[in-house]
Amino acid sequence: MTDEMTPYCHHFHRAVVAVTRRWSPEIIRAMLAGTTRFSDLSSRIPGLSDRVLSERLKDLEAEGIVVRTVHPDTPVRVEYTLSEKGADLASAVIAIAAWADRWITQEEAEASTR
């Protein structure tokens, strides 16, 4: 811990709560590839129900992490993109992914999805 880092920070707490709700990190990671649609996210993240995906997208949109764009085509097309604020999480997601690759065994990963 550095001299500048205090044991508790309200900003850190708020950030952690915003981005670590169940399935939110996985959604953010999937969206790092670019603009996507609901069905694409649903198929990319095994085990994530449509109801929970819908709730998390609304949460992430309310936090300013995701931008929802409605295209008034026929049929209506809805796309989701990470905002600048959301895209700025890329380095944190990459760091966590690297940590997981180094420290989480395949057996542990599989056990956590059961």
PDB file of N, CA and C in Angstrom:
ATOM      1  N   MET A   1       0.853  -1.172   0.000  1.00  0.00           N
ATOM      2  CA  MET A   1       0.000   0.000   0.000  1.00  0.00           C
ATOM      3  C   MET A   1       0.899   1.237   0.000  1.00  0.00           C
ATOM      4  N   THR A   2       0.538   2.222  -0.799  1.00  0.00           N
ATOM      5  CA  THR A   2       1.337   3.438  -0.861  1.00  0.00           C
ATOM      6  C   THR A   2       0.936   4.386   0.259  1.00  0.00           C
ATOM      7  N   ASP A   3       1.769   5.392   0.496  1.00  0.00           N
ATOM      8  CA  ASP A   3       1.458   6.386   1.519  1.00  0.00           C
ATOM      9  C   ASP A   3       0.177   7.144   1.202  1.00  0.00           C
ATOM     10  N   GLU A   4      -0.123   7.295  -0.097  1.00  0.00           N
ATOM     11  CA  GLU A   4      -1.303   8.058  -0.505  1.00  0.00           C
ATOM     12  C   GLU A   4      -2.592   7.261  -0.381  1.00  0.00           C
ATOM     13  N   MET A   5      -2.508   5.936  -0.277  1.00  0.00           N
ATOM     14  CA  MET A   5      -3.697   5.105  -0.242  1.00  0.00           C
ATOM     15  C   MET A   5      -4.142   4.868   1.195  1.00  0.00           C
ATOM     16  N   THR A   6      -5.350   5.323   1.493  1.00  0.00           N
ATOM     17  CA  THR A   6      -5.903   5.113   2.825  1.00  0.00           C
ATOM     18  C   THR A   6      -6.580   3.743   2.879  1.00  0.00           C
ATOM     19  N   PRO A   7      -6.782   3.197   4.062  1.00  0.00           N
ATOM     20  CA  PRO A   7      -7.427   1.878   4.171  1.00  0.00           C
ATOM     21  C   PRO A   7      -8.862   1.860   3.619  1.00  0.00           C
ATOM     22  N   TYR A   8      -9.564   2.977   3.713  1.00  0.00           N
ATOM     23  CA  TYR A   8     -10.938   3.034   3.208  1.00  0.00           C
ATOM     24  C   TYR A   8     -11.127   4.314   2.414  1.00  0.00           C
ATOM     25  N   CYS A   9     -11.838   4.193   1.311  1.00  0.00           N
ATOM     26  CA  CYS A   9     -12.118   5.349   0.462  1.00  0.00           C
ATOM     27  C   CYS A   9     -13.543   5.218  -0.074  1.00  0.00           C
ATOM     28  N   HIS A  10     -14.352   6.247   0.097  1.00  0.00           N
ATOM     29  CA  HIS A  10     -15.739   6.218  -0.374  1.00  0.00           C
ATOM     30  C   HIS A  10     -15.801   6.045  -1.897  1.00  0.00           C
ATOM     31  N   HIS A  11     -14.898   6.677  -2.617  1.00  0.00           N
ATOM     32  CA  HIS A  11     -14.890   6.576  -4.081  1.00  0.00           C
ATOM     33  C   HIS A  11     -14.594   5.141  -4.512  1.00  0.00           C
ATOM     34  N   PHE A  12     -13.609   4.526  -3.878  1.00  0.00           N
ATOM     35  CA  PHE A  12     -13.259   3.149  -4.194  1.00  0.00           C
ATOM     36  C   PHE A  12     -14.443   2.227  -3.908  1.00  0.00           C
ATOM     37  N   HIS A  13     -15.061   2.406  -2.766  1.00  0.00           N
ATOM     38  CA  HIS A  13     -16.210   1.581  -2.393  1.00  0.00           C
ATOM     39  C   HIS A  13     -17.316   1.703  -3.441  1.00  0.00           C
ATOM     40  N   ARG A  14     -17.645   2.913  -3.836  1.00  0.00           N
ATOM     41  CA  ARG A  14     -18.705   3.148  -4.828  1.00  0.00           C
ATOM     42  C   ARG A  14     -18.339   2.496  -6.163  1.00  0.00           C
ATOM     43  N   ALA A  15     -17.078   2.622  -6.554  1.00  0.00           N
ATOM     44  CA  ALA A  15     -16.634   2.032  -7.817  1.00  0.00           C
ATOM     45  C   ALA A  15     -16.752   0.508  -7.778  1.00  0.00           C
ATOM     46  N   VAL A  16     -16.314  -0.082  -6.686  1.00  0.00           N
ATOM     47  CA  VAL A  16     -16.372  -1.544  -6.555  1.00  0.00           C
ATOM     48  C   VAL A  16     -17.821  -2.020  -6.587  1.00  0.00           C
ATOM     49  N   VAL A  17     -18.695  -1.337  -5.893  1.00  0.00           N
ATOM     50  CA  VAL A  17     -20.111  -1.711  -5.891  1.00  0.00           C
ATOM     51  C   VAL A  17     -20.694  -1.597  -7.304  1.00  0.00           C
ATOM     52  N   ALA A  18     -20.321  -0.548  -8.019  1.00  0.00           N
ATOM     53  CA  ALA A  18     -20.867  -0.315  -9.361  1.00  0.00           C
ATOM     54  C   ALA A  18     -20.450  -1.388 -10.359  1.00  0.00           C
ATOM     55  N   VAL A  19     -19.220  -1.851 -10.276  1.00  0.00           N
ATOM     56  CA  VAL A  19     -18.724  -2.757 -11.319  1.00  0.00           C
ATOM     57  C   VAL A  19     -18.619  -4.218 -10.912  1.00  0.00           C
ATOM     58  N   THR A  20     -18.960  -4.547  -9.670  1.00  0.00           N
ATOM     59  CA  THR A  20     -18.831  -5.954  -9.271  1.00  0.00           C
ATOM     60  C   THR A  20     -20.147  -6.631  -8.906  1.00  0.00           C
ATOM     61  N   ARG A  21     -21.263  -6.031  -9.257  1.00  0.00           N
ATOM     62  CA  ARG A  21     -22.520  -6.753  -9.060  1.00  0.00           C
ATOM     63  C   ARG A  21     -22.449  -8.035  -9.873  1.00  0.00           C
ATOM     64  N   ARG A  22     -23.179  -9.034  -9.421  1.00  0.00           N
ATOM     65  CA  ARG A  22     -23.141 -10.337 -10.102  1.00  0.00           C
ATOM     66  C   ARG A  22     -23.318 -10.159 -11.600  1.00  0.00           C
ATOM     67  N   TRP A  23     -22.419 -10.704 -12.378  1.00  0.00           N
ATOM     68  CA  TRP A  23     -22.364 -10.715 -13.835  1.00  0.00           C
ATOM     69  C   TRP A  23     -21.895  -9.407 -14.476  1.00  0.00           C
ATOM     70  N   SER A  24     -21.824  -8.319 -13.743  1.00  0.00           N
ATOM     71  CA  SER A  24     -21.389  -7.053 -14.351  1.00  0.00           C
ATOM     72  C   SER A  24     -19.972  -7.130 -14.917  1.00  0.00           C
ATOM     73  N   PRO A  25     -19.012  -7.691 -14.188  1.00  0.00           N
ATOM     74  CA  PRO A  25     -17.663  -7.766 -14.769  1.00  0.00           C
ATOM     75  C   PRO A  25     -17.619  -8.571 -16.068  1.00  0.00           C
ATOM     76  N   GLU A  26     -18.383  -9.652 -16.129  1.00  0.00           N
ATOM     77  CA  GLU A  26     -18.411 -10.467 -17.334  1.00  0.00           C
ATOM     78  C   GLU A  26     -19.020  -9.696 -18.503  1.00  0.00           C
ATOM     79  N   ILE A  27     -20.052  -8.918 -18.225  1.00  0.00           N
ATOM     80  CA  ILE A  27     -20.695  -8.107 -19.264  1.00  0.00           C
ATOM     81  C   ILE A  27     -19.718  -7.042 -19.760  1.00  0.00           C
ATOM     82  N   ILE A  28     -19.056  -6.375 -18.843  1.00  0.00           N
ATOM     83  CA  ILE A  28     -18.080  -5.352 -19.226  1.00  0.00           C
ATOM     84  C   ILE A  28     -16.972  -5.978 -20.066  1.00  0.00           C
ATOM     85  N   ARG A  29     -16.469  -7.126 -19.630  1.00  0.00           N
ATOM     86  CA  ARG A  29     -15.407  -7.801 -20.385  1.00  0.00           C
ATOM     87  C   ARG A  29     -15.878  -8.134 -21.795  1.00  0.00           C
ATOM     88  N   ALA A  30     -17.084  -8.667 -21.927  1.00  0.00           N
ATOM     89  CA  ALA A  30     -17.620  -9.025 -23.243  1.00  0.00           C
ATOM     90  C   ALA A  30     -17.799  -7.795 -24.129  1.00  0.00           C
ATOM     91  N   MET A  31     -18.086  -6.665 -23.514  1.00  0.00           N
ATOM     92  CA  MET A  31     -18.328  -5.443 -24.282  1.00  0.00           C
ATOM     93  C   MET A  31     -17.038  -4.724 -24.680  1.00  0.00           C
ATOM     94  N   LEU A  32     -15.906  -5.146 -24.167  1.00  0.00           N
ATOM     95  CA  LEU A  32     -14.635  -4.528 -24.557  1.00  0.00           C
ATOM     96  C   LEU A  32     -14.357  -4.708 -26.052  1.00  0.00           C
ATOM     97  N   ALA A  33     -14.971  -5.708 -26.669  1.00  0.00           N
ATOM     98  CA  ALA A  33     -14.779  -5.970 -28.094  1.00  0.00           C
ATOM     99  C   ALA A  33     -15.483  -4.933 -28.966  1.00  0.00           C
ATOM    100  N   GLY A  34     -16.388  -4.158 -28.393  1.00  0.00           N
ATOM    101  CA  GLY A  34     -17.086  -3.128 -29.166  1.00  0.00           C
ATOM    102  C   GLY A  34     -18.589  -3.206 -29.008  1.00  0.00           C
ATOM    103  N   THR A  35     -19.268  -2.435 -29.836  1.00  0.00           N
ATOM    104  CA  THR A  35     -20.726  -2.357 -29.810  1.00  0.00           C
ATOM    105  C   THR A  35     -21.328  -3.734 -30.019  1.00  0.00           C
ATOM    106  N   THR A  36     -22.365  -4.024 -29.253  1.00  0.00           N
ATOM    107  CA  THR A  36     -22.975  -5.348 -29.317  1.00  0.00           C
ATOM    108  C   THR A  36     -24.472  -5.250 -29.073  1.00  0.00           C
ATOM    109  N   ARG A  37     -25.148  -6.318 -29.363  1.00  0.00           N
ATOM    110  CA  ARG A  37     -26.591  -6.395 -29.124  1.00  0.00           C
ATOM    111  C   ARG A  37     -26.850  -7.347 -27.958  1.00  0.00           C
ATOM    112  N   PHE A  38     -28.064  -7.267 -27.432  1.00  0.00           N
ATOM    113  CA  PHE A  38     -28.473  -8.076 -26.285  1.00  0.00           C
ATOM    114  C   PHE A  38     -28.240  -9.563 -26.552  1.00  0.00           C
ATOM    115  N   SER A  39     -28.696 -10.041 -27.701  1.00  0.00           N
ATOM    116  CA  SER A  39     -28.586 -11.478 -28.010  1.00  0.00           C
ATOM    117  C   SER A  39     -27.127 -11.917 -28.114  1.00  0.00           C
ATOM    118  N   ASP A  40     -26.255 -11.026 -28.600  1.00  0.00           N
ATOM    119  CA  ASP A  40     -24.833 -11.357 -28.678  1.00  0.00           C
ATOM    120  C   ASP A  40     -24.245 -11.534 -27.279  1.00  0.00           C
ATOM    121  N   LEU A  41     -24.579 -10.611 -26.386  1.00  0.00           N
ATOM    122  CA  LEU A  41     -24.092 -10.717 -25.004  1.00  0.00           C
ATOM    123  C   LEU A  41     -24.620 -11.984 -24.351  1.00  0.00           C
ATOM    124  N   SER A  42     -25.889 -12.254 -24.554  1.00  0.00           N
ATOM    125  CA  SER A  42     -26.519 -13.433 -23.966  1.00  0.00           C
ATOM    126  C   SER A  42     -25.824 -14.715 -24.421  1.00  0.00           C
ATOM    127  N   SER A  43     -25.450 -14.783 -25.684  1.00  0.00           N
ATOM    128  CA  SER A  43     -24.797 -16.000 -26.185  1.00  0.00           C
ATOM    129  C   SER A  43     -23.321 -16.072 -25.814  1.00  0.00           C
ATOM    130  N   ARG A  44     -22.667 -14.948 -25.556  1.00  0.00           N
ATOM    131  CA  ARG A  44     -21.235 -14.935 -25.216  1.00  0.00           C
ATOM    132  C   ARG A  44     -20.957 -15.290 -23.762  1.00  0.00           C
ATOM    133  N   ILE A  45     -21.954 -15.146 -22.896  1.00  0.00           N
ATOM    134  CA  ILE A  45     -21.722 -15.336 -21.460  1.00  0.00           C
ATOM    135  C   ILE A  45     -22.570 -16.513 -20.971  1.00  0.00           C
ATOM    136  N   PRO A  46     -21.973 -17.694 -20.881  1.00  0.00           N
ATOM    137  CA  PRO A  46     -22.724 -18.875 -20.450  1.00  0.00           C
ATOM    138  C   PRO A  46     -23.246 -18.723 -19.021  1.00  0.00           C
ATOM    139  N   GLY A  47     -24.478 -19.161 -18.812  1.00  0.00           N
ATOM    140  CA  GLY A  47     -25.053 -19.154 -17.472  1.00  0.00           C
ATOM    141  C   GLY A  47     -25.769 -17.868 -17.099  1.00  0.00           C
ATOM    142  N   LEU A  48     -25.696 -16.855 -17.930  1.00  0.00           N
ATOM    143  CA  LEU A  48     -26.328 -15.566 -17.650  1.00  0.00           C
ATOM    144  C   LEU A  48     -27.739 -15.569 -18.235  1.00  0.00           C
ATOM    145  N   SER A  49     -28.733 -15.399 -17.365  1.00  0.00           N
ATOM    146  CA  SER A  49     -30.116 -15.390 -17.842  1.00  0.00           C
ATOM    147  C   SER A  49     -30.439 -14.052 -18.501  1.00  0.00           C
ATOM    148  N   ASP A  50     -31.433 -14.060 -19.367  1.00  0.00           N
ATOM    149  CA  ASP A  50     -31.852 -12.822 -20.035  1.00  0.00           C
ATOM    150  C   ASP A  50     -32.359 -11.795 -19.029  1.00  0.00           C
ATOM    151  N   ARG A  51     -33.046 -12.258 -17.996  1.00  0.00           N
ATOM    152  CA  ARG A  51     -33.569 -11.340 -16.981  1.00  0.00           C
ATOM    153  C   ARG A  51     -32.432 -10.614 -16.271  1.00  0.00           C
ATOM    154  N   VAL A  52     -31.421 -11.359 -15.857  1.00  0.00           N
ATOM    155  CA  VAL A  52     -30.291 -10.753 -15.155  1.00  0.00           C
ATOM    156  C   VAL A  52     -29.487  -9.864 -16.101  1.00  0.00           C
ATOM    157  N   LEU A  53     -29.300 -10.298 -17.342  1.00  0.00           N
ATOM    158  CA  LEU A  53     -28.594  -9.468 -18.314  1.00  0.00           C
ATOM    159  C   LEU A  53     -29.311  -8.134 -18.491  1.00  0.00           C
ATOM    160  N   SER A  54     -30.609  -8.176 -18.615  1.00  0.00           N
ATOM    161  CA  SER A  54     -31.392  -6.945 -18.760  1.00  0.00           C
ATOM    162  C   SER A  54     -31.221  -6.027 -17.546  1.00  0.00           C
ATOM    163  N   GLU A  55     -31.293  -6.612 -16.349  1.00  0.00           N
ATOM    164  CA  GLU A  55     -31.120  -5.825 -15.119  1.00  0.00           C
ATOM    165  C   GLU A  55     -29.727  -5.198 -15.048  1.00  0.00           C
ATOM    166  N   ARG A  56     -28.702  -5.993 -15.354  1.00  0.00           N
ATOM    167  CA  ARG A  56     -27.332  -5.477 -15.256  1.00  0.00           C
ATOM    168  C   ARG A  56     -27.060  -4.408 -16.298  1.00  0.00           C
ATOM    169  N   LEU A  57     -27.591  -4.575 -17.502  1.00  0.00           N
ATOM    170  CA  LEU A  57     -27.414  -3.537 -18.520  1.00  0.00           C
ATOM    171  C   LEU A  57     -28.057  -2.225 -18.067  1.00  0.00           C
ATOM    172  N   LYS A  58     -29.221  -2.320 -17.441  1.00  0.00           N
ATOM    173  CA  LYS A  58     -29.875  -1.109 -16.909  1.00  0.00           C
ATOM    174  C   LYS A  58     -29.034  -0.484 -15.802  1.00  0.00           C
ATOM    175  N   ASP A  59     -28.489  -1.325 -14.907  1.00  0.00           N
ATOM    176  CA  ASP A  59     -27.622  -0.829 -13.827  1.00  0.00           C
ATOM    177  C   ASP A  59     -26.389  -0.128 -14.397  1.00  0.00           C
ATOM    178  N   LEU A  60     -25.740  -0.788 -15.359  1.00  0.00           N
ATOM    179  CA  LEU A  60     -24.517  -0.231 -15.947  1.00  0.00           C
ATOM    180  C   LEU A  60     -24.807   1.045 -16.735  1.00  0.00           C
ATOM    181  N   GLU A  61     -25.974   1.095 -17.357  1.00  0.00           N
ATOM    182  CA  GLU A  61     -26.382   2.321 -18.058  1.00  0.00           C
ATOM    183  C   GLU A  61     -26.611   3.448 -17.053  1.00  0.00           C
ATOM    184  N   ALA A  62     -27.276   3.142 -15.940  1.00  0.00           N
ATOM    185  CA  ALA A  62     -27.526   4.152 -14.898  1.00  0.00           C
ATOM    186  C   ALA A  62     -26.219   4.677 -14.300  1.00  0.00           C
ATOM    187  N   GLU A  63     -25.190   3.825 -14.255  1.00  0.00           N
ATOM    188  CA  GLU A  63     -23.880   4.222 -13.726  1.00  0.00           C
ATOM    189  C   GLU A  63     -23.046   4.991 -14.754  1.00  0.00           C
ATOM    190  N   GLY A  64     -23.546   5.055 -15.991  1.00  0.00           N
ATOM    191  CA  GLY A  64     -22.806   5.750 -17.041  1.00  0.00           C
ATOM    192  C   GLY A  64     -21.689   4.920 -17.632  1.00  0.00           C
ATOM    193  N   ILE A  65     -21.736   3.611 -17.431  1.00  0.00           N
ATOM    194  CA  ILE A  65     -20.699   2.709 -17.928  1.00  0.00           C
ATOM    195  C   ILE A  65     -21.061   2.167 -19.313  1.00  0.00           C
ATOM    196  N   VAL A  66     -22.356   2.024 -19.557  1.00  0.00           N
ATOM    197  CA  VAL A  66     -22.867   1.507 -20.827  1.00  0.00           C
ATOM    198  C   VAL A  66     -23.794   2.541 -21.448  1.00  0.00           C
ATOM    199  N   VAL A  67     -23.728   2.639 -22.780  1.00  0.00           N
ATOM    200  CA  VAL A  67     -24.632   3.509 -23.532  1.00  0.00           C
ATOM    201  C   VAL A  67     -25.542   2.611 -24.353  1.00  0.00           C
ATOM    202  N   ARG A  68     -26.842   2.839 -24.225  1.00  0.00           N
ATOM    203  CA  ARG A  68     -27.853   2.073 -24.974  1.00  0.00           C
ATOM    204  C   ARG A  68     -28.330   2.958 -26.115  1.00  0.00           C
ATOM    205  N   THR A  69     -28.266   2.415 -27.338  1.00  0.00           N
ATOM    206  CA  THR A  69     -28.703   3.168 -28.510  1.00  0.00           C
ATOM    207  C   THR A  69     -29.814   2.395 -29.206  1.00  0.00           C
ATOM    208  N   VAL A  70     -30.941   3.070 -29.413  1.00  0.00           N
ATOM    209  CA  VAL A  70     -32.084   2.461 -30.095  1.00  0.00           C
ATOM    210  C   VAL A  70     -32.110   2.985 -31.525  1.00  0.00           C
ATOM    211  N   HIS A  71     -32.080   2.065 -32.477  1.00  0.00           N
ATOM    212  CA  HIS A  71     -32.177   2.415 -33.890  1.00  0.00           C
ATOM    213  C   HIS A  71     -33.611   2.123 -34.325  1.00  0.00           C
ATOM    214  N   PRO A  72     -34.349   3.155 -34.767  1.00  0.00           N
ATOM    215  CA  PRO A  72     -35.772   2.970 -35.088  1.00  0.00           C
ATOM    216  C   PRO A  72     -36.011   2.281 -36.431  1.00  0.00           C
ATOM    217  N   ASP A  73     -35.265   1.224 -36.699  1.00  0.00           N
ATOM    218  CA  ASP A  73     -35.481   0.442 -37.912  1.00  0.00           C
ATOM    219  C   ASP A  73     -36.689  -0.446 -37.701  1.00  0.00           C
ATOM    220  N   THR A  74     -37.014  -1.226 -38.714  1.00  0.00           N
ATOM    221  CA  THR A  74     -38.059  -2.226 -38.569  1.00  0.00           C
ATOM    222  C   THR A  74     -37.418  -3.577 -38.802  1.00  0.00           C
ATOM    223  N   PRO A  75     -37.293  -4.423 -37.806  1.00  0.00           N
ATOM    224  CA  PRO A  75     -37.656  -4.197 -36.408  1.00  0.00           C
ATOM    225  C   PRO A  75     -36.657  -3.271 -35.707  1.00  0.00           C
ATOM    226  N   VAL A  76     -37.080  -2.759 -34.577  1.00  0.00           N
ATOM    227  CA  VAL A  76     -36.225  -1.863 -33.794  1.00  0.00           C
ATOM    228  C   VAL A  76     -34.960  -2.611 -33.406  1.00  0.00           C
ATOM    229  N   ARG A  77     -33.823  -1.924 -33.496  1.00  0.00           N
ATOM    230  CA  ARG A  77     -32.532  -2.517 -33.171  1.00  0.00           C
ATOM    231  C   ARG A  77     -31.940  -1.749 -31.999  1.00  0.00           C
ATOM    232  N   VAL A  78     -31.517  -2.481 -30.967  1.00  0.00           N
ATOM    233  CA  VAL A  78     -30.914  -1.867 -29.780  1.00  0.00           C
ATOM    234  C   VAL A  78     -29.477  -2.352 -29.683  1.00  0.00           C
ATOM    235  N   GLU A  79     -28.560  -1.394 -29.512  1.00  0.00           N
ATOM    236  CA  GLU A  79     -27.146  -1.732 -29.376  1.00  0.00           C
ATOM    237  C   GLU A  79     -26.602  -1.169 -28.076  1.00  0.00           C
ATOM    238  N   TYR A  80     -25.604  -1.841 -27.550  1.00  0.00           N
ATOM    239  CA  TYR A  80     -24.960  -1.427 -26.304  1.00  0.00           C
ATOM    240  C   TYR A  80     -23.477  -1.225 -26.567  1.00  0.00           C
ATOM    241  N   THR A  81     -22.953  -0.139 -26.009  1.00  0.00           N
ATOM    242  CA  THR A  81     -21.541   0.211 -26.158  1.00  0.00           C
ATOM    243  C   THR A  81     -21.034   0.679 -24.809  1.00  0.00           C
ATOM    244  N   LEU A  82     -19.776   0.412 -24.527  1.00  0.00           N
ATOM    245  CA  LEU A  82     -19.179   0.985 -23.328  1.00  0.00           C
ATOM    246  C   LEU A  82     -18.988   2.480 -23.561  1.00  0.00           C
ATOM    247  N   SER A  83     -19.330   3.262 -22.569  1.00  0.00           N
ATOM    248  CA  SER A  83     -19.067   4.695 -22.627  1.00  0.00           C
ATOM    249  C   SER A  83     -17.570   4.912 -22.431  1.00  0.00           C
ATOM    250  N   GLU A  84     -17.135   6.147 -22.491  1.00  0.00           N
ATOM    251  CA  GLU A  84     -15.724   6.432 -22.204  1.00  0.00           C
ATOM    252  C   GLU A  84     -15.375   5.958 -20.793  1.00  0.00           C
ATOM    253  N   LYS A  85     -16.303   6.197 -19.876  1.00  0.00           N
ATOM    254  CA  LYS A  85     -16.120   5.750 -18.485  1.00  0.00           C
ATOM    255  C   LYS A  85     -15.999   4.235 -18.419  1.00  0.00           C
ATOM    256  N   GLY A  86     -16.827   3.519 -19.168  1.00  0.00           N
ATOM    257  CA  GLY A  86     -16.785   2.064 -19.183  1.00  0.00           C
ATOM    258  C   GLY A  86     -15.540   1.527 -19.866  1.00  0.00           C
ATOM    259  N   ALA A  87     -15.172   2.130 -20.989  1.00  0.00           N
ATOM    260  CA  ALA A  87     -13.983   1.684 -21.723  1.00  0.00           C
ATOM    261  C   ALA A  87     -12.719   1.891 -20.895  1.00  0.00           C
ATOM    262  N   ASP A  88     -12.764   2.857 -19.998  1.00  0.00           N
ATOM    263  CA  ASP A  88     -11.604   3.125 -19.143  1.00  0.00           C
ATOM    264  C   ASP A  88     -11.359   1.987 -18.136  1.00  0.00           C
ATOM    265  N   LEU A  89     -12.314   1.080 -18.018  1.00  0.00           N
ATOM    266  CA  LEU A  89     -12.147  -0.090 -17.146  1.00  0.00           C
ATOM    267  C   LEU A  89     -11.317  -1.187 -17.808  1.00  0.00           C
ATOM    268  N   ALA A  90     -10.976  -1.032 -19.068  1.00  0.00           N
ATOM    269  CA  ALA A  90     -10.258  -2.080 -19.806  1.00  0.00           C
ATOM    270  C   ALA A  90      -8.983  -2.518 -19.091  1.00  0.00           C
ATOM    271  N   SER A  91      -8.189  -1.574 -18.616  1.00  0.00           N
ATOM    272  CA  SER A  91      -6.931  -1.956 -17.967  1.00  0.00           C
ATOM    273  C   SER A  91      -7.188  -2.754 -16.688  1.00  0.00           C
ATOM    274  N   ALA A  92      -8.258  -2.426 -15.961  1.00  0.00           N
ATOM    275  CA  ALA A  92      -8.598  -3.178 -14.747  1.00  0.00           C
ATOM    276  C   ALA A  92      -9.061  -4.591 -15.116  1.00  0.00           C
ATOM    277  N   VAL A  93      -9.869  -4.712 -16.151  1.00  0.00           N
ATOM    278  CA  VAL A  93     -10.350  -6.025 -16.591  1.00  0.00           C
ATOM    279  C   VAL A  93      -9.180  -6.873 -17.071  1.00  0.00           C
ATOM    280  N   ILE A  94      -8.284  -6.287 -17.837  1.00  0.00           N
ATOM    281  CA  ILE A  94      -7.114  -7.003 -18.343  1.00  0.00           C
ATOM    282  C   ILE A  94      -6.224  -7.449 -17.177  1.00  0.00           C
ATOM    283  N   ALA A  95      -6.053  -6.581 -16.187  1.00  0.00           N
ATOM    284  CA  ALA A  95      -5.229  -6.935 -15.020  1.00  0.00           C
ATOM    285  C   ALA A  95      -5.852  -8.083 -14.230  1.00  0.00           C
ATOM    286  N   ILE A  96      -7.147  -8.058 -14.046  1.00  0.00           N
ATOM    287  CA  ILE A  96      -7.821  -9.149 -13.329  1.00  0.00           C
ATOM    288  C   ILE A  96      -7.740 -10.443 -14.139  1.00  0.00           C
ATOM    289  N   ALA A  97      -7.901 -10.348 -15.451  1.00  0.00           N
ATOM    290  CA  ALA A  97      -7.805 -11.533 -16.311  1.00  0.00           C
ATOM    291  C   ALA A  97      -6.401 -12.143 -16.227  1.00  0.00           C
ATOM    292  N   ALA A  98      -5.385 -11.308 -16.239  1.00  0.00           N
ATOM    293  CA  ALA A  98      -4.005 -11.797 -16.135  1.00  0.00           C
ATOM    294  C   ALA A  98      -3.769 -12.450 -14.778  1.00  0.00           C
ATOM    295  N   TRP A  99      -4.289 -11.835 -13.717  1.00  0.00           N
ATOM    296  CA  TRP A  99      -4.159 -12.403 -12.375  1.00  0.00           C
ATOM    297  C   TRP A  99      -4.852 -13.769 -12.330  1.00  0.00           C
ATOM    298  N   ALA A 100      -6.060 -13.840 -12.896  1.00  0.00           N
ATOM    299  CA  ALA A 100      -6.814 -15.102 -12.895  1.00  0.00           C
ATOM    300  C   ALA A 100      -6.080 -16.181 -13.675  1.00  0.00           C
ATOM    301  N   ASP A 101      -5.519 -15.817 -14.822  1.00  0.00           N
ATOM    302  CA  ASP A 101      -4.770 -16.796 -15.618  1.00  0.00           C
ATOM    303  C   ASP A 101      -3.578 -17.339 -14.834  1.00  0.00           C
ATOM    304  N   ARG A 102      -2.990 -16.484 -14.015  1.00  0.00           N
ATOM    305  CA  ARG A 102      -1.818 -16.910 -13.256  1.00  0.00           C
ATOM    306  C   ARG A 102      -2.182 -17.718 -12.010  1.00  0.00           C
ATOM    307  N   TRP A 103      -3.258 -17.344 -11.324  1.00  0.00           N
ATOM    308  CA  TRP A 103      -3.516 -17.894  -9.995  1.00  0.00           C
ATOM    309  C   TRP A 103      -4.738 -18.808  -9.870  1.00  0.00           C
ATOM    310  N   ILE A 104      -5.630 -18.811 -10.819  1.00  0.00           N
ATOM    311  CA  ILE A 104      -6.824 -19.658 -10.718  1.00  0.00           C
ATOM    312  C   ILE A 104      -6.634 -20.880 -11.610  1.00  0.00           C
ATOM    313  N   THR A 105      -6.684 -22.056 -11.009  1.00  0.00           N
ATOM    314  CA  THR A 105      -6.516 -23.282 -11.782  1.00  0.00           C
ATOM    315  C   THR A 105      -7.788 -23.574 -12.574  1.00  0.00           C
ATOM    316  N   GLN A 106      -7.669 -24.417 -13.575  1.00  0.00           N
ATOM    317  CA  GLN A 106      -8.823 -24.818 -14.382  1.00  0.00           C
ATOM    318  C   GLN A 106      -9.884 -25.479 -13.495  1.00  0.00           C
ATOM    319  N   GLU A 107      -9.456 -26.291 -12.530  1.00  0.00           N
ATOM    320  CA  GLU A 107     -10.397 -26.978 -11.647  1.00  0.00           C
ATOM    321  C   GLU A 107     -11.172 -25.968 -10.796  1.00  0.00           C
ATOM    322  N   GLU A 108     -10.476 -24.960 -10.279  1.00  0.00           N
ATOM    323  CA  GLU A 108     -11.150 -23.930  -9.486  1.00  0.00           C
ATOM    324  C   GLU A 108     -12.149 -23.150 -10.326  1.00  0.00           C
ATOM    325  N   ALA A 109     -11.763 -22.825 -11.554  1.00  0.00           N
ATOM    326  CA  ALA A 109     -12.665 -22.089 -12.454  1.00  0.00           C
ATOM    327  C   ALA A 109     -13.913 -22.906 -12.748  1.00  0.00           C
ATOM    328  N   GLU A 110     -13.735 -24.192 -13.043  1.00  0.00           N
ATOM    329  CA  GLU A 110     -14.863 -25.050 -13.336  1.00  0.00           C
ATOM    330  C   GLU A 110     -15.755 -25.245 -12.120  1.00  0.00           C
ATOM    331  N   ALA A 111     -15.170 -25.365 -10.933  1.00  0.00           N
ATOM    332  CA  ALA A 111     -15.949 -25.551  -9.713  1.00  0.00           C
ATOM    333  C   ALA A 111     -16.799 -24.328  -9.413  1.00  0.00           C
ATOM    334  N   SER A 112     -16.318 -23.148  -9.750  1.00  0.00           N
ATOM    335  CA  SER A 112     -17.067 -21.920  -9.442  1.00  0.00           C
ATOM    336  C   SER A 112     -18.264 -21.737 -10.362  1.00  0.00           C
ATOM    337  N   THR A 113     -18.322 -22.452 -11.489  1.00  0.00           N
ATOM    338  CA  THR A 113     -19.447 -22.313 -12.410  1.00  0.00           C
ATOM    339  C   THR A 113     -20.502 -23.384 -12.217  1.00  0.00           C
ATOM    340  N   ARG A 114     -20.277 -24.278 -11.274  1.00  0.00           N
ATOM    341  CA  ARG A 114     -21.264 -25.357 -11.032  1.00  0.00           C
ATOM    342  C   ARG A 114     -22.379 -24.885 -10.155  1.00  0.00           C
TER     343      ARG A 114
END
